[in-house]
Amino acid sequence: GALLRLPGNVLLLPGAPQRAVAVLAALPQPFTLSAARQALD
């Protein structure tokens, strides 16, 4: 439970999904993949 593995062998911290939702919620809704990528840096 120390790492979160996503498809493509993408590794993040386990709390990354919750933090990402907080970032994405601040975007104008709805948002695109490109907007999400830029917001999440």
PDB file of all heavy atoms in Angstrom:
ATOM      1  N   GLY A   1       0.804  -1.227   0.000  1.00  0.00           N
ATOM      2  CA  GLY A   1       0.000   0.000   0.000  1.00  0.00           C
ATOM      3  C   GLY A   1       0.829   1.266   0.000  1.00  0.00           C
ATOM      4  O   GLY A   1       0.297   2.358   0.217  1.00  0.00           O
ATOM      5  N   ALA A   2       2.149   1.120  -0.264  1.00  0.00           N
ATOM      6  CA  ALA A   2       3.007   2.306  -0.280  1.00  0.00           C
ATOM      7  C   ALA A   2       3.033   2.978  -1.646  1.00  0.00           C
ATOM      8  O   ALA A   2       3.447   4.135  -1.768  1.00  0.00           O
ATOM      9  CB  ALA A   2       4.433   1.922   0.135  1.00  0.00           C
ATOM     10  N   LEU A   3       2.623   2.288  -2.684  1.00  0.00           N
ATOM     11  CA  LEU A   3       2.575   2.833  -4.035  1.00  0.00           C
ATOM     12  C   LEU A   3       1.246   2.465  -4.683  1.00  0.00           C
ATOM     13  O   LEU A   3       0.627   1.454  -4.360  1.00  0.00           O
ATOM     14  CB  LEU A   3       3.711   2.257  -4.901  1.00  0.00           C
ATOM     15  CG  LEU A   3       5.143   2.763  -4.662  1.00  0.00           C
ATOM     16  CD1 LEU A   3       6.097   2.064  -5.619  1.00  0.00           C
ATOM     17  CD2 LEU A   3       5.219   4.282  -4.851  1.00  0.00           C
ATOM     18  N   LEU A   4       0.824   3.334  -5.623  1.00  0.00           N
ATOM     19  CA  LEU A   4      -0.341   3.067  -6.459  1.00  0.00           C
ATOM     20  C   LEU A   4       0.168   2.830  -7.873  1.00  0.00           C
ATOM     21  O   LEU A   4       0.864   3.682  -8.427  1.00  0.00           O
ATOM     22  CB  LEU A   4      -1.304   4.255  -6.433  1.00  0.00           C
ATOM     23  CG  LEU A   4      -2.466   4.194  -7.430  1.00  0.00           C
ATOM     24  CD1 LEU A   4      -3.422   3.056  -7.079  1.00  0.00           C
ATOM     25  CD2 LEU A   4      -3.202   5.531  -7.472  1.00  0.00           C
ATOM     26  N   ARG A   5      -0.157   1.635  -8.435  1.00  0.00           N
ATOM     27  CA  ARG A   5       0.288   1.342  -9.782  1.00  0.00           C
ATOM     28  C   ARG A   5      -0.910   1.424 -10.729  1.00  0.00           C
ATOM     29  O   ARG A   5      -1.906   0.722 -10.551  1.00  0.00           O
ATOM     30  CB  ARG A   5       0.921  -0.036  -9.864  1.00  0.00           C
ATOM     31  CG  ARG A   5       1.356  -0.402 -11.282  1.00  0.00           C
ATOM     32  CD  ARG A   5       2.456  -1.441 -11.320  1.00  0.00           C
ATOM     33  NE  ARG A   5       2.174  -2.580 -10.465  1.00  0.00           N
ATOM     34  CZ  ARG A   5       3.082  -3.496 -10.140  1.00  0.00           C
ATOM     35  NH1 ARG A   5       4.330  -3.348 -10.583  1.00  0.00           N
ATOM     36  NH2 ARG A   5       2.772  -4.519  -9.384  1.00  0.00           N
ATOM     37  N   LEU A   6      -0.764   2.263 -11.780  1.00  0.00           N
ATOM     38  CA  LEU A   6      -1.784   2.415 -12.813  1.00  0.00           C
ATOM     39  C   LEU A   6      -1.324   1.693 -14.074  1.00  0.00           C
ATOM     40  O   LEU A   6      -0.149   1.355 -14.215  1.00  0.00           O
ATOM     41  CB  LEU A   6      -2.010   3.904 -13.109  1.00  0.00           C
ATOM     42  CG  LEU A   6      -2.510   4.772 -11.941  1.00  0.00           C
ATOM     43  CD1 LEU A   6      -2.610   6.225 -12.370  1.00  0.00           C
ATOM     44  CD2 LEU A   6      -3.841   4.262 -11.415  1.00  0.00           C
ATOM     45  N   PRO A   7      -2.233   1.413 -14.989  1.00  0.00           N
ATOM     46  CA  PRO A   7      -1.837   0.773 -16.251  1.00  0.00           C
ATOM     47  C   PRO A   7      -0.701   1.529 -16.919  1.00  0.00           C
ATOM     48  O   PRO A   7      -0.623   2.753 -16.860  1.00  0.00           O
ATOM     49  CB  PRO A   7      -3.123   0.822 -17.086  1.00  0.00           C
ATOM     50  CG  PRO A   7      -4.226   0.809 -16.070  1.00  0.00           C
ATOM     51  CD  PRO A   7      -3.710   1.604 -14.914  1.00  0.00           C
ATOM     52  N   GLY A   8       0.171   0.748 -17.600  1.00  0.00           N
ATOM     53  CA  GLY A   8       1.331   1.354 -18.243  1.00  0.00           C
ATOM     54  C   GLY A   8       2.482   1.502 -17.278  1.00  0.00           C
ATOM     55  O   GLY A   8       3.428   2.256 -17.549  1.00  0.00           O
ATOM     56  N   ASN A   9       2.398   0.823 -16.114  1.00  0.00           N
ATOM     57  CA  ASN A   9       3.422   0.890 -15.069  1.00  0.00           C
ATOM     58  C   ASN A   9       3.630   2.316 -14.578  1.00  0.00           C
ATOM     59  O   ASN A   9       4.745   2.756 -14.288  1.00  0.00           O
ATOM     60  CB  ASN A   9       4.742   0.303 -15.570  1.00  0.00           C
ATOM     61  CG  ASN A   9       5.632  -0.164 -14.422  1.00  0.00           C
ATOM     62  OD1 ASN A   9       5.140  -0.581 -13.366  1.00  0.00           O
ATOM     63  ND2 ASN A   9       6.947  -0.070 -14.605  1.00  0.00           N
ATOM     64  N   VAL A  10       2.515   3.054 -14.491  1.00  0.00           N
ATOM     65  CA  VAL A  10       2.536   4.414 -13.940  1.00  0.00           C
ATOM     66  C   VAL A  10       2.443   4.310 -12.428  1.00  0.00           C
ATOM     67  O   VAL A  10       1.522   3.700 -11.885  1.00  0.00           O
ATOM     68  CB  VAL A  10       1.370   5.244 -14.499  1.00  0.00           C
ATOM     69  CG1 VAL A  10       1.267   6.582 -13.763  1.00  0.00           C
ATOM     70  CG2 VAL A  10       1.568   5.456 -15.995  1.00  0.00           C
ATOM     71  N   LEU A  11       3.410   4.917 -11.724  1.00  0.00           N
ATOM     72  CA  LEU A  11       3.465   4.844 -10.269  1.00  0.00           C
ATOM     73  C   LEU A  11       3.210   6.212  -9.662  1.00  0.00           C
ATOM     74  O   LEU A  11       3.815   7.221 -10.060  1.00  0.00           O
ATOM     75  CB  LEU A  11       4.832   4.337  -9.812  1.00  0.00           C
ATOM     76  CG  LEU A  11       5.218   2.931 -10.297  1.00  0.00           C
ATOM     77  CD1 LEU A  11       6.630   2.583  -9.827  1.00  0.00           C
ATOM     78  CD2 LEU A  11       4.221   1.898  -9.782  1.00  0.00           C
ATOM     79  N   LEU A  12       2.306   6.243  -8.671  1.00  0.00           N
ATOM     80  CA  LEU A  12       1.999   7.453  -7.912  1.00  0.00           C
ATOM     81  C   LEU A  12       1.860   7.084  -6.446  1.00  0.00           C
ATOM     82  O   LEU A  12       1.842   5.898  -6.085  1.00  0.00           O
ATOM     83  CB  LEU A  12       0.698   8.084  -8.415  1.00  0.00           C
ATOM     84  CG  LEU A  12       0.666   8.586  -9.868  1.00  0.00           C
ATOM     85  CD1 LEU A  12      -0.749   9.025 -10.228  1.00  0.00           C
ATOM     86  CD2 LEU A  12       1.661   9.739 -10.069  1.00  0.00           C
ATOM     87  N   LEU A  13       1.715   8.096  -5.631  1.00  0.00           N
ATOM     88  CA  LEU A  13       1.431   7.848  -4.219  1.00  0.00           C
ATOM     89  C   LEU A  13      -0.025   7.404  -4.061  1.00  0.00           C
ATOM     90  O   LEU A  13      -0.899   7.797  -4.856  1.00  0.00           O
ATOM     91  CB  LEU A  13       1.700   9.107  -3.403  1.00  0.00           C
ATOM     92  CG  LEU A  13       3.167   9.473  -3.191  1.00  0.00           C
ATOM     93  CD1 LEU A  13       3.271  10.814  -2.460  1.00  0.00           C
ATOM     94  CD2 LEU A  13       3.901   8.391  -2.410  1.00  0.00           C
ATOM     95  N   PRO A  14      -0.340   6.603  -3.049  1.00  0.00           N
ATOM     96  CA  PRO A  14      -1.719   6.123  -2.872  1.00  0.00           C
ATOM     97  C   PRO A  14      -2.748   7.239  -2.756  1.00  0.00           C
ATOM     98  O   PRO A  14      -3.901   7.066  -3.145  1.00  0.00           O
ATOM     99  CB  PRO A  14      -1.634   5.305  -1.584  1.00  0.00           C
ATOM    100  CG  PRO A  14      -0.206   4.909  -1.462  1.00  0.00           C
ATOM    101  CD  PRO A  14       0.587   6.038  -2.040  1.00  0.00           C
ATOM    102  N   GLY A  15      -2.363   8.411  -2.246  1.00  0.00           N
ATOM    103  CA  GLY A  15      -3.325   9.498  -2.085  1.00  0.00           C
ATOM    104  C   GLY A  15      -3.489  10.363  -3.314  1.00  0.00           C
ATOM    105  O   GLY A  15      -4.269  11.347  -3.297  1.00  0.00           O
ATOM    106  N   ALA A  16      -2.803  10.026  -4.407  1.00  0.00           N
ATOM    107  CA  ALA A  16      -2.848  10.857  -5.606  1.00  0.00           C
ATOM    108  C   ALA A  16      -4.250  11.000  -6.188  1.00  0.00           C
ATOM    109  O   ALA A  16      -4.642  12.109  -6.597  1.00  0.00           O
ATOM    110  CB  ALA A  16      -1.881  10.306  -6.656  1.00  0.00           C
ATOM    111  N   PRO A  17      -5.092   9.967  -6.269  1.00  0.00           N
ATOM    112  CA  PRO A  17      -6.430  10.148  -6.844  1.00  0.00           C
ATOM    113  C   PRO A  17      -7.263  11.173  -6.082  1.00  0.00           C
ATOM    114  O   PRO A  17      -7.947  12.006  -6.694  1.00  0.00           O
ATOM    115  CB  PRO A  17      -7.047   8.755  -6.758  1.00  0.00           C
ATOM    116  CG  PRO A  17      -5.871   7.825  -6.796  1.00  0.00           C
ATOM    117  CD  PRO A  17      -4.810   8.532  -6.015  1.00  0.00           C
ATOM    118  N   GLN A  18      -7.209  11.155  -4.775  1.00  0.00           N
ATOM    119  CA  GLN A  18      -8.004  12.101  -3.987  1.00  0.00           C
ATOM    120  C   GLN A  18      -7.502  13.538  -4.212  1.00  0.00           C
ATOM    121  O   GLN A  18      -8.307  14.476  -4.384  1.00  0.00           O
ATOM    122  CB  GLN A  18      -7.918  11.734  -2.516  1.00  0.00           C
ATOM    123  CG  GLN A  18      -8.746  12.637  -1.616  1.00  0.00           C
ATOM    124  CD  GLN A  18      -8.696  12.171  -0.152  1.00  0.00           C
ATOM    125  OE1 GLN A  18      -8.594  11.002   0.123  1.00  0.00           O
ATOM    126  NE2 GLN A  18      -8.752  13.146   0.737  1.00  0.00           N
ATOM    127  N   ARG A  19      -6.195  13.706  -4.247  1.00  0.00           N
ATOM    128  CA  ARG A  19      -5.643  15.043  -4.496  1.00  0.00           C
ATOM    129  C   ARG A  19      -5.991  15.527  -5.902  1.00  0.00           C
ATOM    130  O   ARG A  19      -6.256  16.706  -6.130  1.00  0.00           O
ATOM    131  CB  ARG A  19      -4.126  15.037  -4.311  1.00  0.00           C
ATOM    132  CG  ARG A  19      -3.687  14.761  -2.872  1.00  0.00           C
ATOM    133  CD  ARG A  19      -2.183  14.832  -2.717  1.00  0.00           C
ATOM    134  NE  ARG A  19      -1.669  16.169  -2.999  1.00  0.00           N
ATOM    135  CZ  ARG A  19      -0.369  16.495  -2.968  1.00  0.00           C
ATOM    136  NH1 ARG A  19       0.536  15.556  -2.679  1.00  0.00           N
ATOM    137  NH2 ARG A  19       0.028  17.729  -3.223  1.00  0.00           N
ATOM    138  N   ALA A  20      -5.995  14.595  -6.861  1.00  0.00           N
ATOM    139  CA  ALA A  20      -6.324  14.982  -8.240  1.00  0.00           C
ATOM    140  C   ALA A  20      -7.757  15.474  -8.335  1.00  0.00           C
ATOM    141  O   ALA A  20      -8.043  16.459  -9.055  1.00  0.00           O
ATOM    142  CB  ALA A  20      -6.114  13.783  -9.169  1.00  0.00           C
ATOM    143  N   VAL A  21      -8.688  14.836  -7.623  1.00  0.00           N
ATOM    144  CA  VAL A  21     -10.090  15.272  -7.663  1.00  0.00           C
ATOM    145  C   VAL A  21     -10.200  16.706  -7.152  1.00  0.00           C
ATOM    146  O   VAL A  21     -10.951  17.533  -7.711  1.00  0.00           O
ATOM    147  CB  VAL A  21     -10.974  14.310  -6.839  1.00  0.00           C
ATOM    148  CG1 VAL A  21     -12.377  14.888  -6.670  1.00  0.00           C
ATOM    149  CG2 VAL A  21     -11.033  12.949  -7.512  1.00  0.00           C
ATOM    150  N   ALA A  22      -9.461  17.008  -6.104  1.00  0.00           N
ATOM    151  CA  ALA A  22      -9.515  18.370  -5.558  1.00  0.00           C
ATOM    152  C   ALA A  22      -9.024  19.390  -6.594  1.00  0.00           C
ATOM    153  O   ALA A  22      -9.585  20.491  -6.728  1.00  0.00           O
ATOM    154  CB  ALA A  22      -8.667  18.446  -4.289  1.00  0.00           C
ATOM    155  N   VAL A  23      -7.968  19.025  -7.337  1.00  0.00           N
ATOM    156  CA  VAL A  23      -7.453  19.934  -8.364  1.00  0.00           C
ATOM    157  C   VAL A  23      -8.454  20.072  -9.503  1.00  0.00           C
ATOM    158  O   VAL A  23      -8.734  21.185  -9.987  1.00  0.00           O
ATOM    159  CB  VAL A  23      -6.095  19.424  -8.889  1.00  0.00           C
ATOM    160  CG1 VAL A  23      -5.636  20.257 -10.093  1.00  0.00           C
ATOM    161  CG2 VAL A  23      -5.048  19.455  -7.792  1.00  0.00           C
ATOM    162  N   LEU A  24      -9.020  18.959  -9.936  1.00  0.00           N
ATOM    163  CA  LEU A  24      -9.940  18.974 -11.073  1.00  0.00           C
ATOM    164  C   LEU A  24     -11.249  19.678 -10.734  1.00  0.00           C
ATOM    165  O   LEU A  24     -11.898  20.269 -11.612  1.00  0.00           O
ATOM    166  CB  LEU A  24     -10.222  17.544 -11.550  1.00  0.00           C
ATOM    167  CG  LEU A  24      -9.000  16.769 -12.069  1.00  0.00           C
ATOM    168  CD1 LEU A  24      -9.383  15.325 -12.375  1.00  0.00           C
ATOM    169  CD2 LEU A  24      -8.429  17.445 -13.312  1.00  0.00           C
ATOM    170  N   ALA A  25     -11.642  19.634  -9.495  1.00  0.00           N
ATOM    171  CA  ALA A  25     -12.895  20.300  -9.100  1.00  0.00           C
ATOM    172  C   ALA A  25     -12.782  21.816  -9.241  1.00  0.00           C
ATOM    173  O   ALA A  25     -13.809  22.513  -9.374  1.00  0.00           O
ATOM    174  CB  ALA A  25     -13.245  19.923  -7.658  1.00  0.00           C
ATOM    175  N   ALA A  26     -11.562  22.336  -9.201  1.00  0.00           N
ATOM    176  CA  ALA A  26     -11.381  23.786  -9.332  1.00  0.00           C
ATOM    177  C   ALA A  26     -11.441  24.251 -10.780  1.00  0.00           C
ATOM    178  O   ALA A  26     -11.460  25.455 -11.040  1.00  0.00           O
ATOM    179  CB  ALA A  26     -10.034  24.163  -8.706  1.00  0.00           C
ATOM    180  N   LEU A  27     -11.442  23.315 -11.721  1.00  0.00           N
ATOM    181  CA  LEU A  27     -11.533  23.676 -13.138  1.00  0.00           C
ATOM    182  C   LEU A  27     -12.975  23.991 -13.508  1.00  0.00           C
ATOM    183  O   LEU A  27     -13.918  23.471 -12.880  1.00  0.00           O
ATOM    184  CB  LEU A  27     -11.026  22.514 -14.007  1.00  0.00           C
ATOM    185  CG  LEU A  27      -9.530  22.164 -13.936  1.00  0.00           C
ATOM    186  CD1 LEU A  27      -9.237  20.926 -14.772  1.00  0.00           C
ATOM    187  CD2 LEU A  27      -8.699  23.349 -14.427  1.00  0.00           C
ATOM    188  N   PRO A  28     -13.175  24.810 -14.580  1.00  0.00           N
ATOM    189  CA  PRO A  28     -14.532  24.987 -15.113  1.00  0.00           C
ATOM    190  C   PRO A  28     -15.072  23.620 -15.572  1.00  0.00           C
ATOM    191  O   PRO A  28     -14.360  22.854 -16.244  1.00  0.00           O
ATOM    192  CB  PRO A  28     -14.347  25.959 -16.279  1.00  0.00           C
ATOM    193  CG  PRO A  28     -13.046  26.655 -16.005  1.00  0.00           C
ATOM    194  CD  PRO A  28     -12.182  25.663 -15.295  1.00  0.00           C
ATOM    195  N   GLN A  29     -16.258  23.330 -15.188  1.00  0.00           N
ATOM    196  CA  GLN A  29     -16.866  22.036 -15.525  1.00  0.00           C
ATOM    197  C   GLN A  29     -17.734  22.169 -16.776  1.00  0.00           C
ATOM    198  O   GLN A  29     -18.460  23.164 -16.906  1.00  0.00           O
ATOM    199  CB  GLN A  29     -17.705  21.539 -14.343  1.00  0.00           C
ATOM    200  CG  GLN A  29     -16.964  21.439 -13.035  1.00  0.00           C
ATOM    201  CD  GLN A  29     -15.869  20.376 -13.022  1.00  0.00           C
ATOM    202  OE1 GLN A  29     -16.128  19.227 -13.347  1.00  0.00           O
ATOM    203  NE2 GLN A  29     -14.661  20.796 -12.692  1.00  0.00           N
ATOM    204  N   PRO A  30     -17.754  21.250 -17.708  1.00  0.00           N
ATOM    205  CA  PRO A  30     -16.851  20.094 -17.779  1.00  0.00           C
ATOM    206  C   PRO A  30     -15.465  20.508 -18.239  1.00  0.00           C
ATOM    207  O   PRO A  30     -15.270  21.609 -18.743  1.00  0.00           O
ATOM    208  CB  PRO A  30     -17.538  19.188 -18.795  1.00  0.00           C
ATOM    209  CG  PRO A  30     -18.266  20.129 -19.693  1.00  0.00           C
ATOM    210  CD  PRO A  30     -18.728  21.269 -18.823  1.00  0.00           C
ATOM    211  N   PHE A  31     -14.496  19.559 -18.116  1.00  0.00           N
ATOM    212  CA  PHE A  31     -13.112  19.867 -18.497  1.00  0.00           C
ATOM    213  C   PHE A  31     -12.635  18.777 -19.456  1.00  0.00           C
ATOM    214  O   PHE A  31     -13.153  17.660 -19.508  1.00  0.00           O
ATOM    215  CB  PHE A  31     -12.207  19.953 -17.263  1.00  0.00           C
ATOM    216  CG  PHE A  31     -12.231  18.682 -16.416  1.00  0.00           C
ATOM    217  CD1 PHE A  31     -11.370  17.630 -16.695  1.00  0.00           C
ATOM    218  CD2 PHE A  31     -13.124  18.571 -15.351  1.00  0.00           C
ATOM    219  CE1 PHE A  31     -11.389  16.486 -15.924  1.00  0.00           C
ATOM    220  CE2 PHE A  31     -13.139  17.431 -14.583  1.00  0.00           C
ATOM    221  CZ  PHE A  31     -12.282  16.366 -14.862  1.00  0.00           C
ATOM    222  N   THR A  32     -11.604  19.132 -20.202  1.00  0.00           N
ATOM    223  CA  THR A  32     -11.057  18.211 -21.199  1.00  0.00           C
ATOM    224  C   THR A  32      -9.830  17.513 -20.628  1.00  0.00           C
ATOM    225  O   THR A  32      -9.289  17.900 -19.575  1.00  0.00           O
ATOM    226  CB  THR A  32     -10.653  18.953 -22.466  1.00  0.00           C
ATOM    227  OG1 THR A  32      -9.602  19.886 -22.126  1.00  0.00           O
ATOM    228  CG2 THR A  32     -11.834  19.712 -23.054  1.00  0.00           C
ATOM    229  N   LEU A  33      -9.375  16.495 -21.359  1.00  0.00           N
ATOM    230  CA  LEU A  33      -8.158  15.790 -20.957  1.00  0.00           C
ATOM    231  C   LEU A  33      -6.982  16.742 -20.932  1.00  0.00           C
ATOM    232  O   LEU A  33      -6.146  16.698 -20.023  1.00  0.00           O
ATOM    233  CB  LEU A  33      -7.895  14.634 -21.930  1.00  0.00           C
ATOM    234  CG  LEU A  33      -6.540  13.934 -21.812  1.00  0.00           C
ATOM    235  CD1 LEU A  33      -6.351  13.307 -20.436  1.00  0.00           C
ATOM    236  CD2 LEU A  33      -6.372  12.874 -22.913  1.00  0.00           C
ATOM    237  N   SER A  34      -6.918  17.641 -21.947  1.00  0.00           N
ATOM    238  CA  SER A  34      -5.789  18.584 -22.005  1.00  0.00           C
ATOM    239  C   SER A  34      -5.806  19.518 -20.811  1.00  0.00           C
ATOM    240  O   SER A  34      -4.766  19.785 -20.203  1.00  0.00           O
ATOM    241  CB  SER A  34      -5.852  19.387 -23.310  1.00  0.00           C
ATOM    242  OG  SER A  34      -4.830  20.351 -23.350  1.00  0.00           O
ATOM    243  N   ALA A  35      -7.006  20.008 -20.442  1.00  0.00           N
ATOM    244  CA  ALA A  35      -7.099  20.900 -19.286  1.00  0.00           C
ATOM    245  C   ALA A  35      -6.695  20.182 -18.020  1.00  0.00           C
ATOM    246  O   ALA A  35      -6.017  20.742 -17.138  1.00  0.00           O
ATOM    247  CB  ALA A  35      -8.528  21.442 -19.165  1.00  0.00           C
ATOM    248  N   ALA A  36      -7.114  18.923 -17.898  1.00  0.00           N
ATOM    249  CA  ALA A  36      -6.757  18.164 -16.709  1.00  0.00           C
ATOM    250  C   ALA A  36      -5.261  17.935 -16.639  1.00  0.00           C
ATOM    251  O   ALA A  36      -4.641  18.058 -15.580  1.00  0.00           O
ATOM    252  CB  ALA A  36      -7.501  16.827 -16.720  1.00  0.00           C
ATOM    253  N   ARG A  37      -4.655  17.619 -17.764  1.00  0.00           N
ATOM    254  CA  ARG A  37      -3.217  17.379 -17.784  1.00  0.00           C
ATOM    255  C   ARG A  37      -2.450  18.617 -17.346  1.00  0.00           C
ATOM    256  O   ARG A  37      -1.494  18.508 -16.561  1.00  0.00           O
ATOM    257  CB  ARG A  37      -2.807  16.963 -19.207  1.00  0.00           C
ATOM    258  CG  ARG A  37      -1.323  16.665 -19.352  1.00  0.00           C
ATOM    259  CD  ARG A  37      -0.966  16.373 -20.793  1.00  0.00           C
ATOM    260  NE  ARG A  37      -1.224  17.530 -21.651  1.00  0.00           N
ATOM    261  CZ  ARG A  37      -0.465  18.621 -21.703  1.00  0.00           C
ATOM    262  NH1 ARG A  37       0.610  18.729 -20.924  1.00  0.00           N
ATOM    263  NH2 ARG A  37      -0.759  19.611 -22.505  1.00  0.00           N
ATOM    264  N   GLN A  38      -2.886  19.777 -17.854  1.00  0.00           N
ATOM    265  CA  GLN A  38      -2.179  21.009 -17.484  1.00  0.00           C
ATOM    266  C   GLN A  38      -2.403  21.348 -16.018  1.00  0.00           C
ATOM    267  O   GLN A  38      -1.468  21.763 -15.323  1.00  0.00           O
ATOM    268  CB  GLN A  38      -2.656  22.154 -18.372  1.00  0.00           C
ATOM    269  CG  GLN A  38      -2.305  21.961 -19.848  1.00  0.00           C
ATOM    270  CD  GLN A  38      -2.810  23.098 -20.705  1.00  0.00           C
ATOM    271  OE1 GLN A  38      -2.776  24.266 -20.289  1.00  0.00           O
ATOM    272  NE2 GLN A  38      -3.298  22.775 -21.902  1.00  0.00           N
ATOM    273  N   ALA A  39      -3.619  21.148 -15.535  1.00  0.00           N
ATOM    274  CA  ALA A  39      -3.893  21.484 -14.136  1.00  0.00           C
ATOM    275  C   ALA A  39      -3.117  20.588 -13.191  1.00  0.00           C
ATOM    276  O   ALA A  39      -2.671  21.009 -12.113  1.00  0.00           O
ATOM    277  CB  ALA A  39      -5.400  21.355 -13.863  1.00  0.00           C
ATOM    278  N   LEU A  40      -2.954  19.337 -13.597  1.00  0.00           N
ATOM    279  CA  LEU A  40      -2.238  18.383 -12.733  1.00  0.00           C
ATOM    280  C   LEU A  40      -0.728  18.459 -12.937  1.00  0.00           C
ATOM    281  O   LEU A  40       0.017  17.784 -12.198  1.00  0.00           O
ATOM    282  CB  LEU A  40      -2.722  16.951 -13.029  1.00  0.00           C
ATOM    283  CG  LEU A  40      -4.212  16.661 -12.729  1.00  0.00           C
ATOM    284  CD1 LEU A  40      -4.592  15.265 -13.213  1.00  0.00           C
ATOM    285  CD2 LEU A  40      -4.496  16.810 -11.224  1.00  0.00           C
ATOM    286  N   ASP A  41      -0.309  19.248 -13.922  1.00  0.00           N
ATOM    287  CA  ASP A  41       1.120  19.402 -14.214  1.00  0.00           C
ATOM    288  C   ASP A  41       1.762  18.036 -14.446  1.00  0.00           C
ATOM    289  O   ASP A  41       2.730  17.652 -13.779  1.00  0.00           O
ATOM    290  CB  ASP A  41       1.829  20.118 -13.060  1.00  0.00           C
ATOM    291  CG  ASP A  41       3.265  20.496 -13.433  1.00  0.00           C
ATOM    292  OD1 ASP A  41       3.564  20.517 -14.658  1.00  0.00           O
ATOM    293  OD2 ASP A  41       4.078  20.703 -12.506  1.00  0.00           O
TER     294      ASP A  41
END
